[in-house]
C-alpha cells in the first residue's frame, strides 16, 4: 500500500468501506442503449460533416469555373 498521500484523514481502509450503489441490470442496459444511440449520432456527424464539406467544395468549384450548368445537364 502506498503511504504519504495528500489526504491524511483518508486511507485505503476508509475507502474500502464506501458503499457504491450499482443500478439493477435492467437500468444498466437502458443506460447502455442511450449511450449507444449517442455514440451512433456522434459518429454520423463526424463522418457526415467532412463529406458534406467536400461535396460543397466541389460544387463551389463547378460554379466558380462555369461548369455547374453543364455538369448537371449531363447527369
N, C-alpha and C. Protein backbone atom coordinates (compact mmCIF):
# COMPACT_ATOMS: atom_id res chain seq x y z
N UNK A 1 0.84 -1.17 0.00
CA UNK A 1 0.00 0.00 0.00
C UNK A 1 0.89 1.24 0.00
N UNK A 2 0.49 2.24 -0.74
CA UNK A 2 1.26 3.49 -0.83
C UNK A 2 0.97 4.33 0.40
N UNK A 3 2.00 4.97 0.93
CA UNK A 3 1.81 5.86 2.08
C UNK A 3 2.22 7.28 1.68
N UNK A 4 1.82 8.24 2.49
CA UNK A 4 2.23 9.61 2.24
C UNK A 4 1.32 10.34 1.26
N UNK A 5 0.04 9.95 1.20
CA UNK A 5 -0.91 10.62 0.30
C UNK A 5 -1.23 12.04 0.75
N UNK A 6 -1.91 12.77 -0.08
CA UNK A 6 -2.22 14.17 0.19
C UNK A 6 -3.29 14.34 1.27
N UNK A 7 -4.16 13.35 1.46
CA UNK A 7 -5.23 13.43 2.45
C UNK A 7 -4.90 12.52 3.64
N UNK A 8 -4.44 13.08 4.71
CA UNK A 8 -4.05 12.28 5.87
C UNK A 8 -5.25 11.61 6.54
N UNK A 9 -6.45 12.21 6.41
CA UNK A 9 -7.63 11.64 7.05
C UNK A 9 -8.37 10.66 6.13
N UNK A 10 -7.76 10.28 5.03
CA UNK A 10 -8.38 9.35 4.08
C UNK A 10 -7.36 8.27 3.72
N UNK A 11 -7.74 7.03 3.96
CA UNK A 11 -6.81 5.94 3.66
C UNK A 11 -7.55 4.79 2.97
N UNK A 12 -6.84 3.76 2.62
CA UNK A 12 -7.41 2.63 1.89
C UNK A 12 -8.51 1.94 2.69
N UNK A 13 -8.35 1.86 4.00
CA UNK A 13 -9.37 1.22 4.84
C UNK A 13 -10.69 1.99 4.77
N UNK A 14 -10.62 3.29 4.85
CA UNK A 14 -11.84 4.12 4.78
C UNK A 14 -12.48 3.98 3.41
N UNK A 15 -11.67 4.07 2.37
CA UNK A 15 -12.20 3.97 1.00
C UNK A 15 -12.82 2.60 0.76
N UNK A 16 -12.22 1.54 1.28
CA UNK A 16 -12.75 0.20 1.03
C UNK A 16 -14.12 -0.01 1.69
N UNK A 17 -14.46 0.81 2.66
CA UNK A 17 -15.76 0.72 3.32
C UNK A 17 -16.85 1.53 2.64
N UNK A 18 -16.50 2.32 1.61
CA UNK A 18 -17.51 3.09 0.89
C UNK A 18 -18.49 2.16 0.20
N UNK A 19 -19.75 2.47 0.27
CA UNK A 19 -20.78 1.73 -0.44
C UNK A 19 -21.08 2.47 -1.73
N UNK A 20 -20.84 1.84 -2.86
CA UNK A 20 -21.09 2.44 -4.16
C UNK A 20 -22.32 1.77 -4.76
N UNK A 21 -23.41 2.52 -4.90
CA UNK A 21 -24.63 1.91 -5.44
C UNK A 21 -24.48 1.56 -6.93
N UNK A 22 -24.93 0.39 -7.28
CA UNK A 22 -24.91 -0.06 -8.67
C UNK A 22 -26.35 -0.29 -9.09
N UNK A 23 -26.78 0.35 -10.18
CA UNK A 23 -28.17 0.18 -10.61
C UNK A 23 -28.45 -1.25 -11.05
N UNK A 24 -29.70 -1.67 -11.02
CA UNK A 24 -30.05 -3.01 -11.48
C UNK A 24 -29.65 -3.22 -12.94
N UNK A 25 -29.51 -4.47 -13.33
CA UNK A 25 -29.07 -4.81 -14.68
C UNK A 25 -29.97 -4.18 -15.74
N UNK A 26 -31.27 -4.19 -15.51
CA UNK A 26 -32.21 -3.60 -16.48
C UNK A 26 -31.92 -2.11 -16.69
N UNK A 27 -31.63 -1.39 -15.61
CA UNK A 27 -31.30 0.03 -15.71
C UNK A 27 -29.96 0.23 -16.40
N UNK A 28 -29.00 -0.63 -16.13
CA UNK A 28 -27.70 -0.55 -16.80
C UNK A 28 -27.86 -0.75 -18.31
N UNK A 29 -28.70 -1.71 -18.70
CA UNK A 29 -28.94 -1.96 -20.13
C UNK A 29 -29.62 -0.77 -20.79
N UNK A 30 -30.54 -0.11 -20.07
CA UNK A 30 -31.20 1.08 -20.60
C UNK A 30 -30.18 2.20 -20.81
N UNK A 31 -29.28 2.37 -19.86
CA UNK A 31 -28.24 3.40 -19.97
C UNK A 31 -27.31 3.09 -21.15
N UNK A 32 -26.95 1.83 -21.31
CA UNK A 32 -26.09 1.42 -22.44
C UNK A 32 -26.78 1.76 -23.76
N UNK A 33 -28.09 1.49 -23.84
CA UNK A 33 -28.83 1.81 -25.06
C UNK A 33 -28.79 3.29 -25.39
N UNK A 34 -28.96 4.12 -24.38
CA UNK A 34 -28.89 5.58 -24.57
C UNK A 34 -27.51 5.99 -25.05
N UNK A 35 -26.48 5.46 -24.41
CA UNK A 35 -25.11 5.82 -24.79
C UNK A 35 -24.76 5.31 -26.19
N UNK A 36 -25.27 4.13 -26.55
CA UNK A 36 -25.04 3.61 -27.91
C UNK A 36 -25.66 4.52 -28.95
N UNK A 37 -26.89 4.98 -28.70
CA UNK A 37 -27.55 5.90 -29.64
C UNK A 37 -26.76 7.20 -29.76
N UNK A 38 -26.29 7.70 -28.63
CA UNK A 38 -25.49 8.93 -28.64
C UNK A 38 -24.21 8.73 -29.45
N UNK A 39 -23.53 7.60 -29.24
CA UNK A 39 -22.31 7.30 -29.96
C UNK A 39 -22.58 7.21 -31.46
N UNK A 40 -23.69 6.61 -31.83
CA UNK A 40 -24.06 6.48 -33.25
C UNK A 40 -24.28 7.86 -33.87
N UNK A 41 -24.97 8.74 -33.14
CA UNK A 41 -25.20 10.10 -33.65
C UNK A 41 -23.89 10.86 -33.81
N UNK A 42 -23.01 10.74 -32.84
CA UNK A 42 -21.71 11.43 -32.91
C UNK A 42 -20.91 10.90 -34.10
N UNK A 43 -20.92 9.59 -34.31
CA UNK A 43 -20.19 9.00 -35.43
C UNK A 43 -20.76 9.49 -36.76
N UNK A 44 -22.09 9.53 -36.86
CA UNK A 44 -22.72 10.01 -38.09
C UNK A 44 -22.31 11.45 -38.39
N UNK A 45 -22.29 12.27 -37.35
CA UNK A 45 -21.90 13.67 -37.52
C UNK A 45 -20.44 13.77 -37.91
N UNK A 46 -19.60 12.98 -37.25
CA UNK A 46 -18.16 13.02 -37.53
C UNK A 46 -17.85 12.60 -38.96
N UNK A 47 -18.62 11.64 -39.48
CA UNK A 47 -18.40 11.18 -40.85
C UNK A 47 -19.14 12.05 -41.86
N UNK A 48 -20.33 12.49 -41.49
CA UNK A 48 -21.18 13.22 -42.42
C UNK A 48 -20.72 14.62 -42.72
N UNK A 49 -20.27 15.34 -41.72
CA UNK A 49 -19.88 16.74 -41.93
C UNK A 49 -18.68 16.86 -42.87
N UNK A 50 -17.59 16.11 -42.69
CA UNK A 50 -16.48 16.23 -43.65
C UNK A 50 -16.90 15.87 -45.08
N UNK A 51 -17.77 14.87 -45.24
CA UNK A 51 -18.24 14.51 -46.58
C UNK A 51 -19.06 15.65 -47.18
N UNK A 52 -19.90 16.26 -46.37
CA UNK A 52 -20.71 17.39 -46.84
C UNK A 52 -19.82 18.57 -47.24
N UNK A 53 -18.81 18.85 -46.45
CA UNK A 53 -17.88 19.95 -46.76
C UNK A 53 -17.17 19.66 -48.09
N UNK A 54 -16.75 18.43 -48.29
CA UNK A 54 -16.07 18.06 -49.53
C UNK A 54 -17.00 18.24 -50.73
N UNK A 55 -18.26 17.81 -50.59
CA UNK A 55 -19.22 17.97 -51.68
C UNK A 55 -19.46 19.45 -51.98
N UNK A 56 -19.56 20.28 -50.94
CA UNK A 56 -19.78 21.72 -51.14
C UNK A 56 -18.58 22.37 -51.83
N UNK A 57 -17.38 21.92 -51.49
CA UNK A 57 -16.18 22.46 -52.15
C UNK A 57 -16.20 22.13 -53.64
N UNK A 58 -16.58 20.89 -53.98
CA UNK A 58 -16.66 20.51 -55.39
C UNK A 58 -17.73 21.32 -56.10
N UNK A 59 -18.87 21.51 -55.45
CA UNK A 59 -19.95 22.29 -56.03
C UNK A 59 -19.49 23.73 -56.26
N UNK A 60 -18.83 24.32 -55.30
CA UNK A 60 -18.33 25.68 -55.43
C UNK A 60 -17.35 25.78 -56.59
N UNK A 61 -16.48 24.79 -56.73
CA UNK A 61 -15.51 24.80 -57.82
C UNK A 61 -16.22 24.74 -59.17
N UNK A 62 -17.26 23.90 -59.25
CA UNK A 62 -18.02 23.82 -60.50
C UNK A 62 -18.69 25.15 -60.82
N UNK A 63 -19.27 25.80 -59.81
CA UNK A 63 -19.92 27.09 -60.03
C UNK A 63 -18.87 28.13 -60.42
N UNK A 64 -17.77 28.15 -59.72
CA UNK A 64 -16.70 29.12 -59.96
C UNK A 64 -16.13 29.00 -61.37
N UNK A 65 -16.00 27.78 -61.85
CA UNK A 65 -15.39 27.59 -63.17
C UNK A 65 -16.42 27.63 -64.30
N UNK A 66 -17.70 27.76 -63.97
CA UNK A 66 -18.72 27.86 -65.01
C UNK A 66 -19.20 26.53 -65.54
N UNK A 67 -18.77 25.44 -64.95
CA UNK A 67 -19.18 24.12 -65.41
C UNK A 67 -20.41 23.59 -64.70
N UNK A 68 -20.97 24.37 -63.78
CA UNK A 68 -22.09 23.90 -62.96
C UNK A 68 -23.28 23.48 -63.82
N UNK A 69 -23.74 24.36 -64.70
CA UNK A 69 -24.90 24.03 -65.54
C UNK A 69 -24.58 22.85 -66.47
N UNK A 70 -23.41 22.84 -67.05
CA UNK A 70 -23.01 21.77 -67.95
C UNK A 70 -22.93 20.44 -67.22
N UNK A 71 -22.39 20.45 -66.01
CA UNK A 71 -22.23 19.24 -65.22
C UNK A 71 -23.59 18.60 -64.91
N UNK A 72 -24.55 19.41 -64.50
CA UNK A 72 -25.87 18.88 -64.16
C UNK A 72 -26.69 18.56 -65.40
N UNK A 73 -26.36 19.17 -66.53
CA UNK A 73 -27.06 18.85 -67.77
C UNK A 73 -26.71 17.43 -68.21
N UNK A 74 -25.47 17.02 -67.99
CA UNK A 74 -25.02 15.67 -68.36
C UNK A 74 -25.66 14.62 -67.47
N UNK A 75 -25.79 14.92 -66.20
CA UNK A 75 -26.36 13.95 -65.24
C UNK A 75 -27.80 13.83 -65.52
